[in-house]
Amino acid sequence: MLITKKGSRRIVVDGTVYRWVIRRKPSRGQADYAEPLTFAVVQENIRGSLLHVKMNAARYDIMHDVPHSVVSPKTVAAAIRKVLTAGWQPGHGGGTFCIVWSETLPDI
């Protein structure tokens, strides 16, 4: 699966180039029910497996007074490294690799 360059960000992790993206607007579940923030990662220019990461808190741009998540390149790189050791093969097909991010990173 490919992620378009428009609207996505490029990141290099351990010499490999990836693209990652967060939805521009919250999904209905995220907006109405404070469901967790998610982001997707793929290896750049390769039709391979998609990484789908669900954070441990809601989006920052919703109207609910709940804890929220902010995704930084540091978080994305840490998630990529973690799932690579767990068996994600971004250059191969095989569908979507999903994880729930439960790590607590310091506020930025």
PDB file of N, CA and C in Angstrom:
ATOM      1  N   MET A   1       0.853  -1.166   0.000  1.00  0.00           N
ATOM      2  CA  MET A   1       0.000   0.000   0.000  1.00  0.00           C
ATOM      3  C   MET A   1       0.902   1.232   0.000  1.00  0.00           C
ATOM      4  N   LEU A   2       0.498   2.261  -0.719  1.00  0.00           N
ATOM      5  CA  LEU A   2       1.268   3.497  -0.775  1.00  0.00           C
ATOM      6  C   LEU A   2       0.545   4.615  -0.048  1.00  0.00           C
ATOM      7  N   ILE A   3       1.309   5.522   0.511  1.00  0.00           N
ATOM      8  CA  ILE A   3       0.774   6.759   1.069  1.00  0.00           C
ATOM      9  C   ILE A   3       1.277   7.869   0.157  1.00  0.00           C
ATOM     10  N   THR A   4       0.392   8.733  -0.285  1.00  0.00           N
ATOM     11  CA  THR A   4       0.796   9.799  -1.193  1.00  0.00           C
ATOM     12  C   THR A   4       1.721  10.785  -0.491  1.00  0.00           C
ATOM     13  N   LYS A   5       2.538  11.460  -1.281  1.00  0.00           N
ATOM     14  CA  LYS A   5       3.455  12.450  -0.714  1.00  0.00           C
ATOM     15  C   LYS A   5       2.700  13.654  -0.179  1.00  0.00           C
ATOM     16  N   LYS A   6       1.608  14.001  -0.850  1.00  0.00           N
ATOM     17  CA  LYS A   6       0.825  15.152  -0.409  1.00  0.00           C
ATOM     18  C   LYS A   6       0.134  14.806   0.914  1.00  0.00           C
ATOM     19  N   GLY A   7       0.408  15.586   1.927  1.00  0.00           N
ATOM     20  CA  GLY A   7      -0.223  15.370   3.222  1.00  0.00           C
ATOM     21  C   GLY A   7       0.498  14.406   4.139  1.00  0.00           C
ATOM     22  N   SER A   8       1.568  13.780   3.660  1.00  0.00           N
ATOM     23  CA  SER A   8       2.312  12.848   4.512  1.00  0.00           C
ATOM     24  C   SER A   8       3.687  13.425   4.814  1.00  0.00           C
ATOM     25  N   ARG A   9       4.344  12.831   5.772  1.00  0.00           N
ATOM     26  CA  ARG A   9       5.684  13.282   6.158  1.00  0.00           C
ATOM     27  C   ARG A   9       6.685  12.170   5.922  1.00  0.00           C
ATOM     28  N   ARG A  10       7.879  12.554   5.568  1.00  0.00           N
ATOM     29  CA  ARG A  10       8.970  11.620   5.305  1.00  0.00           C
ATOM     30  C   ARG A  10       9.796  11.471   6.578  1.00  0.00           C
ATOM     31  N   ILE A  11      10.223  10.244   6.846  1.00  0.00           N
ATOM     32  CA  ILE A  11      11.083   9.993   8.003  1.00  0.00           C
ATOM     33  C   ILE A  11      12.076   8.898   7.624  1.00  0.00           C
ATOM     34  N   VAL A  12      13.306   9.049   8.066  1.00  0.00           N
ATOM     35  CA  VAL A  12      14.341   8.041   7.836  1.00  0.00           C
ATOM     36  C   VAL A  12      14.658   7.393   9.183  1.00  0.00           C
ATOM     37  N   VAL A  13      14.489   6.078   9.230  1.00  0.00           N
ATOM     38  CA  VAL A  13      14.756   5.317  10.455  1.00  0.00           C
ATOM     39  C   VAL A  13      15.772   4.235  10.121  1.00  0.00           C
ATOM     40  N   ASP A  14      16.926   4.324  10.742  1.00  0.00           N
ATOM     41  CA  ASP A  14      18.000   3.347  10.537  1.00  0.00           C
ATOM     42  C   ASP A  14      18.329   3.152   9.056  1.00  0.00           C
ATOM     43  N   GLY A  15      18.343   4.252   8.306  1.00  0.00           N
ATOM     44  CA  GLY A  15      18.726   4.220   6.897  1.00  0.00           C
ATOM     45  C   GLY A  15      17.617   3.875   5.917  1.00  0.00           C
ATOM     46  N   THR A  16      16.428   3.575   6.387  1.00  0.00           N
ATOM     47  CA  THR A  16      15.300   3.248   5.517  1.00  0.00           C
ATOM     48  C   THR A  16      14.313   4.404   5.532  1.00  0.00           C
ATOM     49  N   VAL A  17      13.787   4.742   4.345  1.00  0.00           N
ATOM     50  CA  VAL A  17      12.875   5.876   4.217  1.00  0.00           C
ATOM     51  C   VAL A  17      11.428   5.391   4.312  1.00  0.00           C
ATOM     52  N   TYR A  18      10.658   6.052   5.157  1.00  0.00           N
ATOM     53  CA  TYR A  18       9.239   5.751   5.350  1.00  0.00           C
ATOM     54  C   TYR A  18       8.430   7.026   5.141  1.00  0.00           C
ATOM     55  N   ARG A  19       7.119   6.867   4.950  1.00  0.00           N
ATOM     56  CA  ARG A  19       6.191   7.990   4.935  1.00  0.00           C
ATOM     57  C   ARG A  19       5.133   7.699   5.984  1.00  0.00           C
ATOM     58  N   TRP A  20       4.724   8.752   6.712  1.00  0.00           N
ATOM     59  CA  TRP A  20       3.697   8.584   7.736  1.00  0.00           C
ATOM     60  C   TRP A  20       2.681   9.693   7.630  1.00  0.00           C
ATOM     61  N   VAL A  21       1.467   9.390   8.088  1.00  0.00           N
ATOM     62  CA  VAL A  21       0.368  10.341   7.947  1.00  0.00           C
ATOM     63  C   VAL A  21      -0.630  10.168   9.087  1.00  0.00           C
ATOM     64  N   ILE A  22      -1.204  11.305   9.478  1.00  0.00           N
ATOM     65  CA  ILE A  22      -2.335  11.347  10.406  1.00  0.00           C
ATOM     66  C   ILE A  22      -3.492  11.940   9.620  1.00  0.00           C
ATOM     67  N   ARG A  23      -4.694  11.424   9.812  1.00  0.00           N
ATOM     68  CA  ARG A  23      -5.864  12.004   9.131  1.00  0.00           C
ATOM     69  C   ARG A  23      -5.936  13.500   9.384  1.00  0.00           C
ATOM     70  N   ARG A  24      -6.315  14.246   8.355  1.00  0.00           N
ATOM     71  CA  ARG A  24      -6.421  15.703   8.499  1.00  0.00           C
ATOM     72  C   ARG A  24      -7.486  16.094   9.515  1.00  0.00           C
ATOM     73  N   LYS A  25      -8.596  15.394   9.479  1.00  0.00           N
ATOM     74  CA  LYS A  25      -9.700  15.677  10.397  1.00  0.00           C
ATOM     75  C   LYS A  25      -9.978  14.423  11.213  1.00  0.00           C
ATOM     76  N   PRO A  26     -10.502  14.592  12.408  1.00  0.00           N
ATOM     77  CA  PRO A  26     -10.825  13.400  13.198  1.00  0.00           C
ATOM     78  C   PRO A  26     -11.947  12.595  12.545  1.00  0.00           C
ATOM     79  N   SER A  27     -11.875  11.274  12.692  1.00  0.00           N
ATOM     80  CA  SER A  27     -12.985  10.437  12.235  1.00  0.00           C
ATOM     81  C   SER A  27     -14.183  10.715  13.140  1.00  0.00           C
ATOM     82  N   ARG A  28     -15.332  10.221  12.767  1.00  0.00           N
ATOM     83  CA  ARG A  28     -16.515  10.461  13.589  1.00  0.00           C
ATOM     84  C   ARG A  28     -16.343   9.873  14.990  1.00  0.00           C
ATOM     85  N   GLY A  29     -15.790   8.685  15.065  1.00  0.00           N
ATOM     86  CA  GLY A  29     -15.555   8.070  16.371  1.00  0.00           C
ATOM     87  C   GLY A  29     -14.575   8.864  17.217  1.00  0.00           C
ATOM     88  N   GLN A  30     -13.559   9.417  16.564  1.00  0.00           N
ATOM     89  CA  GLN A  30     -12.591  10.229  17.299  1.00  0.00           C
ATOM     90  C   GLN A  30     -13.217  11.530  17.775  1.00  0.00           C
ATOM     91  N   ALA A  31     -14.030  12.154  16.931  1.00  0.00           N
ATOM     92  CA  ALA A  31     -14.639  13.440  17.283  1.00  0.00           C
ATOM     93  C   ALA A  31     -15.760  13.287  18.306  1.00  0.00           C
ATOM     94  N   ASP A  32     -16.626  12.309  18.098  1.00  0.00           N
ATOM     95  CA  ASP A  32     -17.806  12.167  18.956  1.00  0.00           C
ATOM     96  C   ASP A  32     -17.554  11.377  20.237  1.00  0.00           C
ATOM     97  N   TYR A  33     -16.646  10.422  20.176  1.00  0.00           N
ATOM     98  CA  TYR A  33     -16.467   9.521  21.317  1.00  0.00           C
ATOM     99  C   TYR A  33     -15.046   9.506  21.871  1.00  0.00           C
ATOM    100  N   ALA A  34     -14.224  10.444  21.440  1.00  0.00           N
ATOM    101  CA  ALA A  34     -12.837  10.572  21.913  1.00  0.00           C
ATOM    102  C   ALA A  34     -12.039   9.284  21.727  1.00  0.00           C
ATOM    103  N   GLU A  35     -12.264   8.601  20.577  1.00  0.00           N
ATOM    104  CA  GLU A  35     -11.464   7.417  20.274  1.00  0.00           C
ATOM    105  C   GLU A  35     -10.014   7.836  20.051  1.00  0.00           C
ATOM    106  N   PRO A  36      -9.066   6.923  20.218  1.00  0.00           N
ATOM    107  CA  PRO A  36      -7.647   7.280  20.152  1.00  0.00           C
ATOM    108  C   PRO A  36      -7.188   7.796  18.784  1.00  0.00           C
ATOM    109  N   LEU A  37      -6.162   8.614  18.836  1.00  0.00           N
ATOM    110  CA  LEU A  37      -5.477   9.105  17.649  1.00  0.00           C
ATOM    111  C   LEU A  37      -4.775   7.935  16.973  1.00  0.00           C
ATOM    112  N   THR A  38      -4.788   7.899  15.649  1.00  0.00           N
ATOM    113  CA  THR A  38      -4.098   6.857  14.901  1.00  0.00           C
ATOM    114  C   THR A  38      -3.220   7.488  13.831  1.00  0.00           C
ATOM    115  N   PHE A  39      -2.190   6.754  13.435  1.00  0.00           N
ATOM    116  CA  PHE A  39      -1.394   7.174  12.285  1.00  0.00           C
ATOM    117  C   PHE A  39      -0.941   5.944  11.517  1.00  0.00           C
ATOM    118  N   ALA A  40      -0.588   6.156  10.240  1.00  0.00           N
ATOM    119  CA  ALA A  40      -0.190   5.063   9.357  1.00  0.00           C
ATOM    120  C   ALA A  40       1.222   5.312   8.845  1.00  0.00           C
ATOM    121  N   VAL A  41       1.959   4.220   8.626  1.00  0.00           N
ATOM    122  CA  VAL A  41       3.337   4.288   8.141  1.00  0.00           C
ATOM    123  C   VAL A  41       3.522   3.243   7.049  1.00  0.00           C
ATOM    124  N   VAL A  42       4.235   3.619   5.978  1.00  0.00           N
ATOM    125  CA  VAL A  42       4.647   2.665   4.945  1.00  0.00           C
ATOM    126  C   VAL A  42       6.083   2.966   4.550  1.00  0.00           C
ATOM    127  N   GLN A  43       6.735   1.966   3.980  1.00  0.00           N
ATOM    128  CA  GLN A  43       8.059   2.212   3.425  1.00  0.00           C
ATOM    129  C   GLN A  43       7.869   2.974   2.124  1.00  0.00           C
ATOM    130  N   GLU A  44       8.667   4.016   1.903  1.00  0.00           N
ATOM    131  CA  GLU A  44       8.478   4.891   0.749  1.00  0.00           C
ATOM    132  C   GLU A  44       8.736   4.155  -0.562  1.00  0.00           C
ATOM    133  N   ASN A  45       7.865   4.414  -1.547  1.00  0.00           N
ATOM    134  CA  ASN A  45       7.977   3.906  -2.919  1.00  0.00           C
ATOM    135  C   ASN A  45       7.921   2.391  -3.040  1.00  0.00           C
ATOM    136  N   ILE A  46       7.372   1.713  -2.058  1.00  0.00           N
ATOM    137  CA  ILE A  46       7.234   0.255  -2.113  1.00  0.00           C
ATOM    138  C   ILE A  46       5.799  -0.109  -1.759  1.00  0.00           C
ATOM    139  N   ARG A  47       5.204  -0.958  -2.559  1.00  0.00           N
ATOM    140  CA  ARG A  47       3.860  -1.455  -2.244  1.00  0.00           C
ATOM    141  C   ARG A  47       4.016  -2.647  -1.309  1.00  0.00           C
ATOM    142  N   GLY A  48       4.007  -2.351  -0.039  1.00  0.00           N
ATOM    143  CA  GLY A  48       4.194  -3.405   0.950  1.00  0.00           C
ATOM    144  C   GLY A  48       3.151  -3.312   2.036  1.00  0.00           C
ATOM    145  N   SER A  49       3.513  -3.774   3.189  1.00  0.00           N
ATOM    146  CA  SER A  49       2.616  -3.810   4.335  1.00  0.00           C
ATOM    147  C   SER A  49       2.480  -2.424   4.965  1.00  0.00           C
ATOM    148  N   LEU A  50       1.289  -2.126   5.431  1.00  0.00           N
ATOM    149  CA  LEU A  50       0.986  -0.863   6.106  1.00  0.00           C
ATOM    150  C   LEU A  50       1.067  -1.077   7.612  1.00  0.00           C
ATOM    151  N   LEU A  51       1.657  -0.121   8.307  1.00  0.00           N
ATOM    152  CA  LEU A  51       1.669  -0.127   9.767  1.00  0.00           C
ATOM    153  C   LEU A  51       0.597   0.840  10.244  1.00  0.00           C
ATOM    154  N   HIS A  52      -0.305   0.367  11.095  1.00  0.00           N
ATOM    155  CA  HIS A  52      -1.372   1.203  11.657  1.00  0.00           C
ATOM    156  C   HIS A  52      -1.154   1.259  13.164  1.00  0.00           C
ATOM    157  N   VAL A  53      -0.903   2.470  13.678  1.00  0.00           N
ATOM    158  CA  VAL A  53      -0.606   2.642  15.102  1.00  0.00           C
ATOM    159  C   VAL A  53      -1.743   3.400  15.772  1.00  0.00           C
ATOM    160  N   LYS A  54      -2.301   2.804  16.817  1.00  0.00           N
ATOM    161  CA  LYS A  54      -3.344   3.457  17.615  1.00  0.00           C
ATOM    162  C   LYS A  54      -2.686   3.944  18.899  1.00  0.00           C
ATOM    163  N   MET A  55      -2.756   5.246  19.136  1.00  0.00           N
ATOM    164  CA  MET A  55      -2.141   5.829  20.324  1.00  0.00           C
ATOM    165  C   MET A  55      -2.980   5.497  21.558  1.00  0.00           C
ATOM    166  N   ASN A  56      -2.468   5.859  22.731  1.00  0.00           N
ATOM    167  CA  ASN A  56      -3.157   5.523  23.975  1.00  0.00           C
ATOM    168  C   ASN A  56      -4.023   6.661  24.503  1.00  0.00           C
ATOM    169  N   ALA A  57      -4.277   7.685  23.679  1.00  0.00           N
ATOM    170  CA  ALA A  57      -5.137   8.801  24.091  1.00  0.00           C
ATOM    171  C   ALA A  57      -5.781   9.424  22.853  1.00  0.00           C
ATOM    172  N   ALA A  58      -6.717  10.318  23.083  1.00  0.00           N
ATOM    173  CA  ALA A  58      -7.497  10.920  21.999  1.00  0.00           C
ATOM    174  C   ALA A  58      -6.682  11.935  21.195  1.00  0.00           C
ATOM    175  N   ARG A  59      -7.264  12.369  20.078  1.00  0.00           N
ATOM    176  CA  ARG A  59      -6.660  13.423  19.253  1.00  0.00           C
ATOM    177  C   ARG A  59      -6.603  14.724  20.035  1.00  0.00           C
ATOM    178  N   TYR A  60      -5.715  15.584  19.657  1.00  0.00           N
ATOM    179  CA  TYR A  60      -5.561  16.880  20.327  1.00  0.00           C
ATOM    180  C   TYR A  60      -6.600  17.903  19.884  1.00  0.00           C
ATOM    181  N   ASP A  61      -7.282  17.677  18.756  1.00  0.00           N
ATOM    182  CA  ASP A  61      -8.175  18.689  18.176  1.00  0.00           C
ATOM    183  C   ASP A  61      -9.661  18.368  18.335  1.00  0.00           C
ATOM    184  N   ILE A  62     -10.013  17.601  19.360  1.00  0.00           N
ATOM    185  CA  ILE A  62     -11.427  17.307  19.587  1.00  0.00           C
ATOM    186  C   ILE A  62     -11.950  18.166  20.727  1.00  0.00           C
ATOM    187  N   MET A  63     -13.255  18.189  20.888  1.00  0.00           N
ATOM    188  CA  MET A  63     -13.889  19.087  21.849  1.00  0.00           C
ATOM    189  C   MET A  63     -14.036  18.494  23.257  1.00  0.00           C
ATOM    190  N   HIS A  64     -13.653  17.261  23.454  1.00  0.00           N
ATOM    191  CA  HIS A  64     -13.810  16.616  24.760  1.00  0.00           C
ATOM    192  C   HIS A  64     -12.658  16.981  25.689  1.00  0.00           C
ATOM    193  N   ASP A  65     -12.964  17.050  26.958  1.00  0.00           N
ATOM    194  CA  ASP A  65     -11.944  17.338  27.961  1.00  0.00           C
ATOM    195  C   ASP A  65     -11.369  16.014  28.467  1.00  0.00           C
ATOM    196  N   VAL A  66     -10.536  15.407  27.636  1.00  0.00           N
ATOM    197  CA  VAL A  66      -9.903  14.129  27.961  1.00  0.00           C
ATOM    198  C   VAL A  66      -8.407  14.246  27.648  1.00  0.00           C
ATOM    199  N   PRO A  67      -7.590  13.353  28.194  1.00  0.00           N
ATOM    200  CA  PRO A  67      -6.171  13.373  27.827  1.00  0.00           C
ATOM    201  C   PRO A  67      -6.014  13.180  26.321  1.00  0.00           C
ATOM    202  N   HIS A  68      -5.020  13.823  25.743  1.00  0.00           N
ATOM    203  CA  HIS A  68      -4.843  13.724  24.301  1.00  0.00           C
ATOM    204  C   HIS A  68      -3.411  13.336  23.942  1.00  0.00           C
ATOM    205  N   SER A  69      -3.249  12.872  22.692  1.00  0.00           N
ATOM    206  CA  SER A  69      -1.951  12.445  22.174  1.00  0.00           C
ATOM    207  C   SER A  69      -1.423  13.457  21.179  1.00  0.00           C
ATOM    208  N   VAL A  70      -0.124  13.583  21.148  1.00  0.00           N
ATOM    209  CA  VAL A  70       0.558  14.344  20.107  1.00  0.00           C
ATOM    210  C   VAL A  70       1.600  13.407  19.517  1.00  0.00           C
ATOM    211  N   VAL A  71       1.623  13.292  18.192  1.00  0.00           N
ATOM    212  CA  VAL A  71       2.574  12.409  17.532  1.00  0.00           C
ATOM    213  C   VAL A  71       3.704  13.255  16.957  1.00  0.00           C
ATOM    214  N   SER A  72       4.908  12.943  17.353  1.00  0.00           N
ATOM    215  CA  SER A  72       6.091  13.628  16.835  1.00  0.00           C
ATOM    216  C   SER A  72       6.908  12.630  16.009  1.00  0.00           C
ATOM    217  N   PRO A  73       7.843  13.103  15.210  1.00  0.00           N
ATOM    218  CA  PRO A  73       8.711  12.170  14.492  1.00  0.00           C
ATOM    219  C   PRO A  73       9.434  11.197  15.429  1.00  0.00           C
ATOM    220  N   LYS A  74       9.742  11.642  16.638  1.00  0.00           N
ATOM    221  CA  LYS A  74      10.382  10.761  17.627  1.00  0.00           C
ATOM    222  C   LYS A  74       9.471   9.581  17.972  1.00  0.00           C
ATOM    223  N   THR A  75       8.176   9.852  18.121  1.00  0.00           N
ATOM    224  CA  THR A  75       7.209   8.793  18.412  1.00  0.00           C
ATOM    225  C   THR A  75       7.102   7.827  17.244  1.00  0.00           C
ATOM    226  N   VAL A  76       7.034   8.369  16.022  1.00  0.00           N
ATOM    227  CA  VAL A  76       6.926   7.532  14.822  1.00  0.00           C
ATOM    228  C   VAL A  76       8.154   6.636  14.693  1.00  0.00           C
ATOM    229  N   ALA A  77       9.342   7.197  14.863  1.00  0.00           N
ATOM    230  CA  ALA A  77      10.571   6.408  14.764  1.00  0.00           C
ATOM    231  C   ALA A  77      10.604   5.302  15.820  1.00  0.00           C
ATOM    232  N   ALA A  78      10.195   5.621  17.040  1.00  0.00           N
ATOM    233  CA  ALA A  78      10.167   4.610  18.104  1.00  0.00           C
ATOM    234  C   ALA A  78       9.180   3.498  17.771  1.00  0.00           C
ATOM    235  N   ALA A  79       8.019   3.854  17.229  1.00  0.00           N
ATOM    236  CA  ALA A  79       7.022   2.846  16.853  1.00  0.00           C
ATOM    237  C   ALA A  79       7.550   1.956  15.733  1.00  0.00           C
ATOM    238  N   ILE A  80       8.205   2.548  14.742  1.00  0.00           N
ATOM    239  CA  ILE A  80       8.759   1.763  13.632  1.00  0.00           C
ATOM    240  C   ILE A  80       9.797   0.776  14.152  1.00  0.00           C
ATOM    241  N   ARG A  81      10.706   1.250  14.978  1.00  0.00           N
ATOM    242  CA  ARG A  81      11.735   0.349  15.529  1.00  0.00           C
ATOM    243  C   ARG A  81      11.108  -0.787  16.343  1.00  0.00           C
ATOM    244  N   LYS A  82      10.089  -0.459  17.111  1.00  0.00           N
ATOM    245  CA  LYS A  82       9.432  -1.469  17.946  1.00  0.00           C
ATOM    246  C   LYS A  82       8.770  -2.552  17.090  1.00  0.00           C
ATOM    247  N   VAL A  83       8.048  -2.159  16.046  1.00  0.00           N
ATOM    248  CA  VAL A  83       7.337  -3.162  15.243  1.00  0.00           C
ATOM    249  C   VAL A  83       8.271  -3.933  14.327  1.00  0.00           C
ATOM    250  N   LEU A  84       9.388  -3.336  13.937  1.00  0.00           N
ATOM    251  CA  LEU A  84      10.361  -4.092  13.145  1.00  0.00           C
ATOM    252  C   LEU A  84      10.910  -5.255  13.958  1.00  0.00           C
ATOM    253  N   THR A  85      11.145  -5.028  15.254  1.00  0.00           N
ATOM    254  CA  THR A  85      11.614  -6.125  16.107  1.00  0.00           C
ATOM    255  C   THR A  85      10.498  -7.129  16.397  1.00  0.00           C
ATOM    256  N   ALA A  86       9.238  -6.691  16.246  1.00  0.00           N
ATOM    257  CA  ALA A  86       8.096  -7.582  16.478  1.00  0.00           C
ATOM    258  C   ALA A  86       7.709  -8.365  15.225  1.00  0.00           C
ATOM    259  N   GLY A  87       8.399  -8.101  14.107  1.00  0.00           N
ATOM    260  CA  GLY A  87       8.134  -8.905  12.922  1.00  0.00           C
ATOM    261  C   GLY A  87       7.497  -8.198  11.746  1.00  0.00           C
ATOM    262  N   TRP A  88       7.267  -6.898  11.815  1.00  0.00           N
ATOM    263  CA  TRP A  88       6.706  -6.180  10.663  1.00  0.00           C
ATOM    264  C   TRP A  88       7.718  -6.192   9.524  1.00  0.00           C
ATOM    265  N   GLN A  89       7.249  -6.557   8.337  1.00  0.00           N
ATOM    266  CA  GLN A  89       8.089  -6.564   7.143  1.00  0.00           C
ATOM    267  C   GLN A  89       7.497  -5.573   6.148  1.00  0.00           C
ATOM    268  N   PRO A  90       7.935  -4.311   6.192  1.00  0.00           N
ATOM    269  CA  PRO A  90       7.312  -3.272   5.380  1.00  0.00           C
ATOM    270  C   PRO A  90       7.469  -3.466   3.881  1.00  0.00           C
ATOM    271  N   GLY A  91       8.497  -4.173   3.439  1.00  0.00           N
ATOM    272  CA  GLY A  91       8.722  -4.374   2.013  1.00  0.00           C
ATOM    273  C   GLY A  91       7.950  -5.532   1.424  1.00  0.00           C
ATOM    274  N   HIS A  92       7.263  -6.290   2.248  1.00  0.00           N
ATOM    275  CA  HIS A  92       6.493  -7.444   1.777  1.00  0.00           C
ATOM    276  C   HIS A  92       5.010  -7.148   1.906  1.00  0.00           C
ATOM    277  N   GLY A  93       4.224  -7.801   1.088  1.00  0.00           N
ATOM    278  CA  GLY A  93       2.772  -7.671   1.212  1.00  0.00           C
ATOM    279  C   GLY A  93       2.314  -8.335   2.493  1.00  0.00           C
ATOM    280  N   GLY A  94       1.049  -8.484   2.621  1.00  0.00           N
ATOM    281  CA  GLY A  94       0.569  -9.168   3.812  1.00  0.00           C
ATOM    282  C   GLY A  94      -0.410  -8.346   4.603  1.00  0.00           C
ATOM    283  N   GLY A  95      -0.854  -7.249   4.038  1.00  0.00           N
ATOM    284  CA  GLY A  95      -1.893  -6.490   4.713  1.00  0.00           C
ATOM    285  C   GLY A  95      -1.361  -5.493   5.717  1.00  0.00           C
ATOM    286  N   THR A  96      -2.181  -5.242   6.714  1.00  0.00           N
ATOM    287  CA  THR A  96      -1.909  -4.202   7.693  1.00  0.00           C
ATOM    288  C   THR A  96      -1.387  -4.806   8.991  1.00  0.00           C
ATOM    289  N   PHE A  97      -0.355  -4.203   9.534  1.00  0.00           N
ATOM    290  CA  PHE A  97       0.223  -4.589  10.818  1.00  0.00           C
ATOM    291  C   PHE A  97      -0.259  -3.558  11.827  1.00  0.00           C
ATOM    292  N   CYS A  98      -1.063  -3.973  12.792  1.00  0.00           N
ATOM    293  CA  CYS A  98      -1.676  -3.036  13.747  1.00  0.00           C
ATOM    294  C   CYS A  98      -1.061  -3.193  15.134  1.00  0.00           C
ATOM    295  N   ILE A  99      -0.796  -2.046  15.772  1.00  0.00           N
ATOM    296  CA  ILE A  99      -0.346  -2.071  17.162  1.00  0.00           C
ATOM    297  C   ILE A  99      -1.068  -0.975  17.937  1.00  0.00           C
ATOM    298  N   VAL A 100      -1.132  -1.168  19.235  1.00  0.00           N
ATOM    299  CA  VAL A 100      -1.637  -0.128  20.136  1.00  0.00           C
ATOM    300  C   VAL A 100      -0.425   0.401  20.884  1.00  0.00           C
ATOM    301  N   TRP A 101      -0.184   1.685  20.759  1.00  0.00           N
ATOM    302  CA  TRP A 101       0.982   2.308  21.392  1.00  0.00           C
ATOM    303  C   TRP A 101       0.673   2.559  22.855  1.00  0.00           C
ATOM    304  N   SER A 102       1.384   1.882  23.729  1.00  0.00           N
ATOM    305  CA  SER A 102       1.123   2.019  25.157  1.00  0.00           C
ATOM    306  C   SER A 102       2.290   2.664  25.894  1.00  0.00           C
ATOM    307  N   GLU A 103       3.303   3.037  25.149  1.00  0.00           N
ATOM    308  CA  GLU A 103       4.470   3.657  25.762  1.00  0.00           C
ATOM    309  C   GLU A 103       4.150   5.095  26.144  1.00  0.00           C
ATOM    310  N   THR A 104       4.702   5.539  27.230  1.00  0.00           N
ATOM    311  CA  THR A 104       4.541   6.927  27.638  1.00  0.00           C
ATOM    312  C   THR A 104       5.831   7.659  27.320  1.00  0.00           C
ATOM    313  N   LEU A 105       5.727   8.644  26.444  1.00  0.00           N
ATOM    314  CA  LEU A 105       6.881   9.454  26.097  1.00  0.00           C
ATOM    315  C   LEU A 105       6.764  10.798  26.793  1.00  0.00           C
ATOM    316  N   PRO A 106       7.868  11.437  27.102  1.00  0.00           N
ATOM    317  CA  PRO A 106       7.799  12.741  27.760  1.00  0.00           C
ATOM    318  C   PRO A 106       7.108  13.770  26.877  1.00  0.00           C
ATOM    319  N   ASP A 107       6.417  14.713  27.501  1.00  0.00           N
ATOM    320  CA  ASP A 107       5.762  15.779  26.749  1.00  0.00           C
ATOM    321  C   ASP A 107       6.802  16.592  26.002  1.00  0.00           C
ATOM    322  N   ILE A 108       6.410  17.025  24.820  1.00  0.00           N
ATOM    323  CA  ILE A 108       7.316  17.819  23.984  1.00  0.00           C
ATOM    324  C   ILE A 108       6.853  19.249  23.973  1.00  0.00           C
TER     325      ILE A 108
END
